[in-house]
Amino acid sequence: MAHRTKTDGEDKGLDGVIRVDEAEVKAHLGEMVRQSVEETLNGMLQAEADPPRRGEAVRADDAHGPPGLLGQATSTMHRP
């Protein structure tokens, strides 16, 4: 973040006040969120692409076919 120094004419009563560049904070936070989402999605795609190796445990919801929304197993139950 850019650090501003006090210039002549600024109020002397603002000593110790921290100035925050809101646009810069938003941009930085947006980049952090973007990176986190990208890493999470890449990890999920990689895990889906890598089949379990011989001898590895298979999760119960994996045994029922492809996952539905948010990784939940697709339901085969019929509603009346």
PDB file of N, CA and C in Angstrom:
ATOM      1  N   MET A   1       0.831  -1.170   0.000  1.00  0.00           N
ATOM      2  CA  MET A   1       0.000   0.000   0.000  1.00  0.00           C
ATOM      3  C   MET A   1       0.876   1.234   0.000  1.00  0.00           C
ATOM      4  N   ALA A   2       0.430   2.245  -0.687  1.00  0.00           N
ATOM      5  CA  ALA A   2       1.198   3.483  -0.735  1.00  0.00           C
ATOM      6  C   ALA A   2       1.120   4.185   0.613  1.00  0.00           C
ATOM      7  N   HIS A   3       2.245   4.730   1.030  1.00  0.00           N
ATOM      8  CA  HIS A   3       2.298   5.416   2.314  1.00  0.00           C
ATOM      9  C   HIS A   3       2.432   6.908   2.040  1.00  0.00           C
ATOM     10  N   ARG A   4       1.497   7.682   2.544  1.00  0.00           N
ATOM     11  CA  ARG A   4       1.546   9.134   2.363  1.00  0.00           C
ATOM     12  C   ARG A   4       2.170   9.771   3.588  1.00  0.00           C
ATOM     13  N   THR A   5       2.986  10.739   3.332  1.00  0.00           N
ATOM     14  CA  THR A   5       3.558  11.491   4.441  1.00  0.00           C
ATOM     15  C   THR A   5       2.807  12.798   4.580  1.00  0.00           C
ATOM     16  N   LYS A   6       2.894  13.363   5.745  1.00  0.00           N
ATOM     17  CA  LYS A   6       2.206  14.620   6.027  1.00  0.00           C
ATOM     18  C   LYS A   6       2.844  15.746   5.227  1.00  0.00           C
ATOM     19  N   THR A   7       2.028  16.573   4.608  1.00  0.00           N
ATOM     20  CA  THR A   7       2.538  17.718   3.857  1.00  0.00           C
ATOM     21  C   THR A   7       2.274  18.975   4.656  1.00  0.00           C
ATOM     22  N   ASP A   8       2.974  20.038   4.296  1.00  0.00           N
ATOM     23  CA  ASP A   8       2.756  21.317   4.965  1.00  0.00           C
ATOM     24  C   ASP A   8       1.297  21.715   4.798  1.00  0.00           C
ATOM     25  N   GLY A   9       0.701  22.224   5.840  1.00  0.00           N
ATOM     26  CA  GLY A   9      -0.677  22.679   5.778  1.00  0.00           C
ATOM     27  C   GLY A   9      -1.680  21.653   6.271  1.00  0.00           C
ATOM     28  N   GLU A  10      -1.273  20.383   6.446  1.00  0.00           N
ATOM     29  CA  GLU A  10      -2.211  19.388   6.962  1.00  0.00           C
ATOM     30  C   GLU A  10      -2.371  19.608   8.455  1.00  0.00           C
ATOM     31  N   ASP A  11      -3.516  19.223   8.965  1.00  0.00           N
ATOM     32  CA  ASP A  11      -3.829  19.403  10.382  1.00  0.00           C
ATOM     33  C   ASP A  11      -2.843  18.636  11.255  1.00  0.00           C
ATOM     34  N   LYS A  12      -2.204  19.336  12.168  1.00  0.00           N
ATOM     35  CA  LYS A  12      -1.252  18.711  13.092  1.00  0.00           C
ATOM     36  C   LYS A  12      -1.958  17.756  14.054  1.00  0.00           C
ATOM     37  N   GLY A  13      -3.277  17.871  14.218  1.00  0.00           N
ATOM     38  CA  GLY A  13      -4.030  17.016  15.121  1.00  0.00           C
ATOM     39  C   GLY A  13      -4.237  15.610  14.593  1.00  0.00           C
ATOM     40  N   LEU A  14      -3.775  15.308  13.401  1.00  0.00           N
ATOM     41  CA  LEU A  14      -3.952  13.984  12.815  1.00  0.00           C
ATOM     42  C   LEU A  14      -2.716  13.104  12.965  1.00  0.00           C
ATOM     43  N   ASP A  15      -1.810  13.484  13.869  1.00  0.00           N
ATOM     44  CA  ASP A  15      -0.630  12.655  14.105  1.00  0.00           C
ATOM     45  C   ASP A  15      -1.071  11.265  14.549  1.00  0.00           C
ATOM     46  N   GLY A  16      -0.474  10.218  13.976  1.00  0.00           N
ATOM     47  CA  GLY A  16      -0.790   8.843  14.353  1.00  0.00           C
ATOM     48  C   GLY A  16      -1.985   8.255  13.632  1.00  0.00           C
ATOM     49  N   VAL A  17      -2.628   9.017  12.772  1.00  0.00           N
ATOM     50  CA  VAL A  17      -3.780   8.511  12.029  1.00  0.00           C
ATOM     51  C   VAL A  17      -3.281   7.722  10.825  1.00  0.00           C
ATOM     52  N   ILE A  18      -3.856   6.570  10.605  1.00  0.00           N
ATOM     53  CA  ILE A  18      -3.482   5.733   9.468  1.00  0.00           C
ATOM     54  C   ILE A  18      -4.475   5.988   8.344  1.00  0.00           C
ATOM     55  N   ARG A  19      -3.948   6.251   7.179  1.00  0.00           N
ATOM     56  CA  ARG A  19      -4.805   6.458   6.006  1.00  0.00           C
ATOM     57  C   ARG A  19      -4.857   5.148   5.226  1.00  0.00           C
ATOM     58  N   VAL A  20      -6.059   4.779   4.784  1.00  0.00           N
ATOM     59  CA  VAL A  20      -6.254   3.541   4.046  1.00  0.00           C
ATOM     60  C   VAL A  20      -6.777   3.877   2.658  1.00  0.00           C
ATOM     61  N   ASP A  21      -6.094   3.361   1.638  1.00  0.00           N
ATOM     62  CA  ASP A  21      -6.541   3.523   0.259  1.00  0.00           C
ATOM     63  C   ASP A  21      -7.534   2.399  -0.018  1.00  0.00           C
ATOM     64  N   GLU A  22      -8.816   2.726   0.066  1.00  0.00           N
ATOM     65  CA  GLU A  22      -9.869   1.720  -0.047  1.00  0.00           C
ATOM     66  C   GLU A  22      -9.810   0.980  -1.382  1.00  0.00           C
ATOM     67  N   ALA A  23      -9.539   1.671  -2.463  1.00  0.00           N
ATOM     68  CA  ALA A  23      -9.466   1.028  -3.779  1.00  0.00           C
ATOM     69  C   ALA A  23      -8.331   0.012  -3.825  1.00  0.00           C
ATOM     70  N   GLU A  24      -7.199   0.353  -3.220  1.00  0.00           N
ATOM     71  CA  GLU A  24      -6.065  -0.566  -3.208  1.00  0.00           C
ATOM     72  C   GLU A  24      -6.362  -1.789  -2.340  1.00  0.00           C
ATOM     73  N   VAL A  25      -7.030  -1.586  -1.216  1.00  0.00           N
ATOM     74  CA  VAL A  25      -7.406  -2.706  -0.348  1.00  0.00           C
ATOM     75  C   VAL A  25      -8.365  -3.631  -1.086  1.00  0.00           C
ATOM     76  N   LYS A  26      -9.367  -3.076  -1.756  1.00  0.00           N
ATOM     77  CA  LYS A  26     -10.330  -3.886  -2.512  1.00  0.00           C
ATOM     78  C   LYS A  26      -9.635  -4.676  -3.617  1.00  0.00           C
ATOM     79  N   ALA A  27      -8.705  -4.032  -4.319  1.00  0.00           N
ATOM     80  CA  ALA A  27      -7.993  -4.712  -5.399  1.00  0.00           C
ATOM     81  C   ALA A  27      -7.161  -5.868  -4.842  1.00  0.00           C
ATOM     82  N   HIS A  28      -6.486  -5.631  -3.733  1.00  0.00           N
ATOM     83  CA  HIS A  28      -5.658  -6.672  -3.125  1.00  0.00           C
ATOM     84  C   HIS A  28      -6.520  -7.834  -2.635  1.00  0.00           C
ATOM     85  N   LEU A  29      -7.613  -7.525  -1.972  1.00  0.00           N
ATOM     86  CA  LEU A  29      -8.518  -8.561  -1.483  1.00  0.00           C
ATOM     87  C   LEU A  29      -9.110  -9.351  -2.651  1.00  0.00           C
ATOM     88  N   GLY A  30      -9.490  -8.655  -3.712  1.00  0.00           N
ATOM     89  CA  GLY A  30     -10.031  -9.328  -4.897  1.00  0.00           C
ATOM     90  C   GLY A  30      -9.027 -10.298  -5.490  1.00  0.00           C
ATOM     91  N   GLU A  31      -7.755  -9.903  -5.536  1.00  0.00           N
ATOM     92  CA  GLU A  31      -6.708 -10.781  -6.070  1.00  0.00           C
ATOM     93  C   GLU A  31      -6.508 -11.993  -5.165  1.00  0.00           C
ATOM     94  N   MET A  32      -6.556 -11.794  -3.852  1.00  0.00           N
ATOM     95  CA  MET A  32      -6.407 -12.912  -2.918  1.00  0.00           C
ATOM     96  C   MET A  32      -7.549 -13.911  -3.084  1.00  0.00           C
ATOM     97  N   VAL A  33      -8.764 -13.409  -3.215  1.00  0.00           N
ATOM     98  CA  VAL A  33      -9.929 -14.286  -3.398  1.00  0.00           C
ATOM     99  C   VAL A  33      -9.817 -15.037  -4.725  1.00  0.00           C
ATOM    100  N   ARG A  34      -9.414 -14.326  -5.792  1.00  0.00           N
ATOM    101  CA  ARG A  34      -9.281 -14.960  -7.104  1.00  0.00           C
ATOM    102  C   ARG A  34      -8.268 -16.103  -7.045  1.00  0.00           C
ATOM    103  N   GLN A  35      -7.126 -15.865  -6.400  1.00  0.00           N
ATOM    104  CA  GLN A  35      -6.100 -16.903  -6.290  1.00  0.00           C
ATOM    105  C   GLN A  35      -6.604 -18.097  -5.487  1.00  0.00           C
ATOM    106  N   SER A  36      -7.316 -17.829  -4.405  1.00  0.00           N
ATOM    107  CA  SER A  36      -7.834 -18.900  -3.558  1.00  0.00           C
ATOM    108  C   SER A  36      -8.848 -19.759  -4.319  1.00  0.00           C
ATOM    109  N   VAL A  37      -9.745 -19.104  -5.039  1.00  0.00           N
ATOM    110  CA  VAL A  37     -10.748 -19.839  -5.820  1.00  0.00           C
ATOM    111  C   VAL A  37     -10.067 -20.650  -6.919  1.00  0.00           C
ATOM    112  N   GLU A  38      -9.092 -20.053  -7.583  1.00  0.00           N
ATOM    113  CA  GLU A  38      -8.369 -20.756  -8.654  1.00  0.00           C
ATOM    114  C   GLU A  38      -7.665 -21.993  -8.119  1.00  0.00           C
ATOM    115  N   GLU A  39      -6.979 -21.859  -6.982  1.00  0.00           N
ATOM    116  CA  GLU A  39      -6.289 -23.004  -6.388  1.00  0.00           C
ATOM    117  C   GLU A  39      -7.270 -24.095  -5.981  1.00  0.00           C
ATOM    118  N   THR A  40      -8.400 -23.698  -5.408  1.00  0.00           N
ATOM    119  CA  THR A  40      -9.408 -24.666  -4.974  1.00  0.00           C
ATOM    120  C   THR A  40      -9.979 -25.423  -6.169  1.00  0.00           C
ATOM    121  N   LEU A  41     -10.366 -24.682  -7.217  1.00  0.00           N
ATOM    122  CA  LEU A  41     -10.940 -25.329  -8.400  1.00  0.00           C
ATOM    123  C   LEU A  41      -9.912 -26.219  -9.097  1.00  0.00           C
ATOM    124  N   ASN A  42      -8.675 -25.763  -9.200  1.00  0.00           N
ATOM    125  CA  ASN A  42      -7.639 -26.599  -9.818  1.00  0.00           C
ATOM    126  C   ASN A  42      -7.425 -27.882  -9.018  1.00  0.00           C
ATOM    127  N   GLY A  43      -7.431 -27.776  -7.697  1.00  0.00           N
ATOM    128  CA  GLY A  43      -7.290 -28.953  -6.853  1.00  0.00           C
ATOM    129  C   GLY A  43      -8.444 -29.927  -7.027  1.00  0.00           C
ATOM    130  N   MET A  44      -9.656 -29.388  -7.122  1.00  0.00           N
ATOM    131  CA  MET A  44     -10.826 -30.245  -7.322  1.00  0.00           C
ATOM    132  C   MET A  44     -10.763 -30.938  -8.678  1.00  0.00           C
ATOM    133  N   LEU A  45     -10.392 -30.189  -9.721  1.00  0.00           N
ATOM    134  CA  LEU A  45     -10.285 -30.786 -11.056  1.00  0.00           C
ATOM    135  C   LEU A  45      -9.192 -31.850 -11.095  1.00  0.00           C
ATOM    136  N   GLN A  46      -8.071 -31.585 -10.440  1.00  0.00           N
ATOM    137  CA  GLN A  46      -6.988 -32.559 -10.414  1.00  0.00           C
ATOM    138  C   GLN A  46      -7.409 -33.824  -9.674  1.00  0.00           C
ATOM    139  N   ALA A  47      -8.097 -33.664  -8.552  1.00  0.00           N
ATOM    140  CA  ALA A  47      -8.560 -34.823  -7.782  1.00  0.00           C
ATOM    141  C   ALA A  47      -9.563 -35.641  -8.586  1.00  0.00           C
ATOM    142  N   GLU A  48     -10.397 -34.965  -9.352  1.00  0.00           N
ATOM    143  CA  GLU A  48     -11.390 -35.669 -10.178  1.00  0.00           C
ATOM    144  C   GLU A  48     -10.712 -36.396 -11.337  1.00  0.00           C
ATOM    145  N   ALA A  49      -9.644 -35.824 -11.877  1.00  0.00           N
ATOM    146  CA  ALA A  49      -8.948 -36.414 -13.013  1.00  0.00           C
ATOM    147  C   ALA A  49      -8.081 -37.599 -12.616  1.00  0.00           C
ATOM    148  N   ASP A  50      -7.624 -37.624 -11.374  1.00  0.00           N
ATOM    149  CA  ASP A  50      -6.759 -38.710 -10.909  1.00  0.00           C
ATOM    150  C   ASP A  50      -7.609 -39.841 -10.341  1.00  0.00           C
ATOM    151  N   PRO A  51      -7.690 -40.972 -11.044  1.00  0.00           N
ATOM    152  CA  PRO A  51      -8.472 -42.095 -10.492  1.00  0.00           C
ATOM    153  C   PRO A  51      -7.763 -42.664  -9.269  1.00  0.00           C
ATOM    154  N   PRO A  52      -8.526 -43.255  -8.354  1.00  0.00           N
ATOM    155  CA  PRO A  52      -7.890 -43.841  -7.165  1.00  0.00           C
ATOM    156  C   PRO A  52      -6.950 -44.974  -7.593  1.00  0.00           C
ATOM    157  N   ARG A  53      -5.813 -45.074  -6.910  1.00  0.00           N
ATOM    158  CA  ARG A  53      -4.851 -46.136  -7.208  1.00  0.00           C
ATOM    159  C   ARG A  53      -5.277 -47.418  -6.512  1.00  0.00           C
ATOM    160  N   ARG A  54      -4.744 -48.508  -6.972  1.00  0.00           N
ATOM    161  CA  ARG A  54      -5.068 -49.805  -6.390  1.00  0.00           C
ATOM    162  C   ARG A  54      -4.754 -49.790  -4.899  1.00  0.00           C
ATOM    163  N   GLY A  55      -5.697 -50.205  -4.110  1.00  0.00           N
ATOM    164  CA  GLY A  55      -5.507 -50.254  -2.669  1.00  0.00           C
ATOM    165  C   GLY A  55      -5.942 -49.002  -1.943  1.00  0.00           C
ATOM    166  N   GLU A  56      -6.271 -47.925  -2.675  1.00  0.00           N
ATOM    167  CA  GLU A  56      -6.745 -46.705  -2.017  1.00  0.00           C
ATOM    168  C   GLU A  56      -8.227 -46.828  -1.709  1.00  0.00           C
ATOM    169  N   ALA A  57      -8.608 -46.239  -0.617  1.00  0.00           N
ATOM    170  CA  ALA A  57     -10.021 -46.236  -0.242  1.00  0.00           C
ATOM    171  C   ALA A  57     -10.795 -45.323  -1.179  1.00  0.00           C
ATOM    172  N   VAL A  58     -12.030 -45.706  -1.480  1.00  0.00           N
ATOM    173  CA  VAL A  58     -12.923 -44.893  -2.296  1.00  0.00           C
ATOM    174  C   VAL A  58     -14.005 -44.361  -1.382  1.00  0.00           C
ATOM    175  N   ARG A  59     -14.242 -43.037  -1.452  1.00  0.00           N
ATOM    176  CA  ARG A  59     -15.275 -42.442  -0.603  1.00  0.00           C
ATOM    177  C   ARG A  59     -16.638 -43.019  -0.975  1.00  0.00           C
ATOM    178  N   ALA A  60     -17.508 -43.100   0.012  1.00  0.00           N
ATOM    179  CA  ALA A  60     -18.836 -43.675  -0.195  1.00  0.00           C
ATOM    180  C   ALA A  60     -19.616 -42.943  -1.274  1.00  0.00           C
ATOM    181  N   ASP A  61     -19.541 -41.614  -1.309  1.00  0.00           N
ATOM    182  CA  ASP A  61     -20.321 -40.890  -2.317  1.00  0.00           C
ATOM    183  C   ASP A  61     -19.728 -41.074  -3.717  1.00  0.00           C
ATOM    184  N   ASP A  62     -18.457 -41.478  -3.832  1.00  0.00           N
ATOM    185  CA  ASP A  62     -17.862 -41.752  -5.142  1.00  0.00           C
ATOM    186  C   ASP A  62     -18.417 -43.039  -5.738  1.00  0.00           C
ATOM    187  N   ALA A  63     -18.849 -43.962  -4.911  1.00  0.00           N
ATOM    188  CA  ALA A  63     -19.336 -45.246  -5.382  1.00  0.00           C
ATOM    189  C   ALA A  63     -20.695 -45.135  -6.057  1.00  0.00           C
ATOM    190  N   HIS A  64     -21.367 -44.005  -5.902  1.00  0.00           N
ATOM    191  CA  HIS A  64     -22.708 -43.846  -6.456  1.00  0.00           C
ATOM    192  C   HIS A  64     -22.734 -43.078  -7.761  1.00  0.00           C
ATOM    193  N   GLY A  65     -21.607 -42.866  -8.367  1.00  0.00           N
ATOM    194  CA  GLY A  65     -21.573 -42.157  -9.636  1.00  0.00           C
ATOM    195  C   GLY A  65     -21.035 -40.759  -9.469  1.00  0.00           C
ATOM    196  N   PRO A  66     -21.175 -39.962 -10.523  1.00  0.00           N
ATOM    197  CA  PRO A  66     -20.607 -38.610 -10.485  1.00  0.00           C
ATOM    198  C   PRO A  66     -21.290 -37.747  -9.440  1.00  0.00           C
ATOM    199  N   PRO A  67     -20.526 -36.851  -8.816  1.00  0.00           N
ATOM    200  CA  PRO A  67     -21.131 -35.991  -7.796  1.00  0.00           C
ATOM    201  C   PRO A  67     -22.068 -34.971  -8.412  1.00  0.00           C
ATOM    202  N   GLY A  68     -23.042 -34.581  -7.643  1.00  0.00           N
ATOM    203  CA  GLY A  68     -23.958 -33.527  -8.066  1.00  0.00           C
ATOM    204  C   GLY A  68     -23.424 -32.190  -7.611  1.00  0.00           C
ATOM    205  N   LEU A  69     -24.272 -31.223  -7.456  1.00  0.00           N
ATOM    206  CA  LEU A  69     -23.891 -29.884  -7.051  1.00  0.00           C
ATOM    207  C   LEU A  69     -23.186 -29.903  -5.706  1.00  0.00           C
ATOM    208  N   LEU A  70     -22.080 -29.186  -5.607  1.00  0.00           N
ATOM    209  CA  LEU A  70     -21.290 -29.046  -4.379  1.00  0.00           C
ATOM    210  C   LEU A  70     -20.742 -30.368  -3.865  1.00  0.00           C
ATOM    211  N   GLY A  71     -20.504 -31.331  -4.771  1.00  0.00           N
ATOM    212  CA  GLY A  71     -19.878 -32.575  -4.381  1.00  0.00           C
ATOM    213  C   GLY A  71     -20.798 -33.565  -3.702  1.00  0.00           C
ATOM    214  N   GLN A  72     -22.083 -33.295  -3.668  1.00  0.00           N
ATOM    215  CA  GLN A  72     -23.021 -34.229  -3.057  1.00  0.00           C
ATOM    216  C   GLN A  72     -23.332 -35.336  -4.056  1.00  0.00           C
ATOM    217  N   ALA A  73     -23.499 -36.539  -3.558  1.00  0.00           N
ATOM    218  CA  ALA A  73     -23.818 -37.655  -4.443  1.00  0.00           C
ATOM    219  C   ALA A  73     -25.181 -37.421  -5.081  1.00  0.00           C
ATOM    220  N   THR A  74     -25.293 -37.813  -6.349  1.00  0.00           N
ATOM    221  CA  THR A  74     -26.561 -37.678  -7.058  1.00  0.00           C
ATOM    222  C   THR A  74     -27.536 -38.679  -6.485  1.00  0.00           C
ATOM    223  N   SER A  75     -28.711 -38.220  -6.143  1.00  0.00           N
ATOM    224  CA  SER A  75     -29.714 -39.083  -5.539  1.00  0.00           C
ATOM    225  C   SER A  75     -30.431 -39.897  -6.602  1.00  0.00           C
ATOM    226  N   THR A  76     -30.672 -41.181  -6.293  1.00  0.00           N
ATOM    227  CA  THR A  76     -31.435 -42.036  -7.198  1.00  0.00           C
ATOM    228  C   THR A  76     -32.833 -42.258  -6.650  1.00  0.00           C
ATOM    229  N   MET A  77     -33.166 -41.582  -5.558  1.00  0.00           N
ATOM    230  CA  MET A  77     -34.466 -41.733  -4.928  1.00  0.00           C
ATOM    231  C   MET A  77     -35.526 -40.995  -5.733  1.00  0.00           C
ATOM    232  N   HIS A  78     -36.663 -41.614  -5.943  1.00  0.00           N
ATOM    233  CA  HIS A  78     -37.759 -40.982  -6.671  1.00  0.00           C
ATOM    234  C   HIS A  78     -38.771 -40.446  -5.688  1.00  0.00           C
ATOM    235  N   ARG A  79     -39.221 -39.239  -5.925  1.00  0.00           N
ATOM    236  CA  ARG A  79     -40.224 -38.632  -5.046  1.00  0.00           C
ATOM    237  C   ARG A  79     -41.604 -38.862  -5.633  1.00  0.00           C
ATOM    238  N   PRO A  80     -42.602 -39.063  -4.762  1.00  0.00           N
ATOM    239  CA  PRO A  80     -43.979 -39.275  -5.264  1.00  0.00           C
ATOM    240  C   PRO A  80     -44.561 -38.049  -5.908  1.00  0.00           C
TER     241      PRO A  80
END
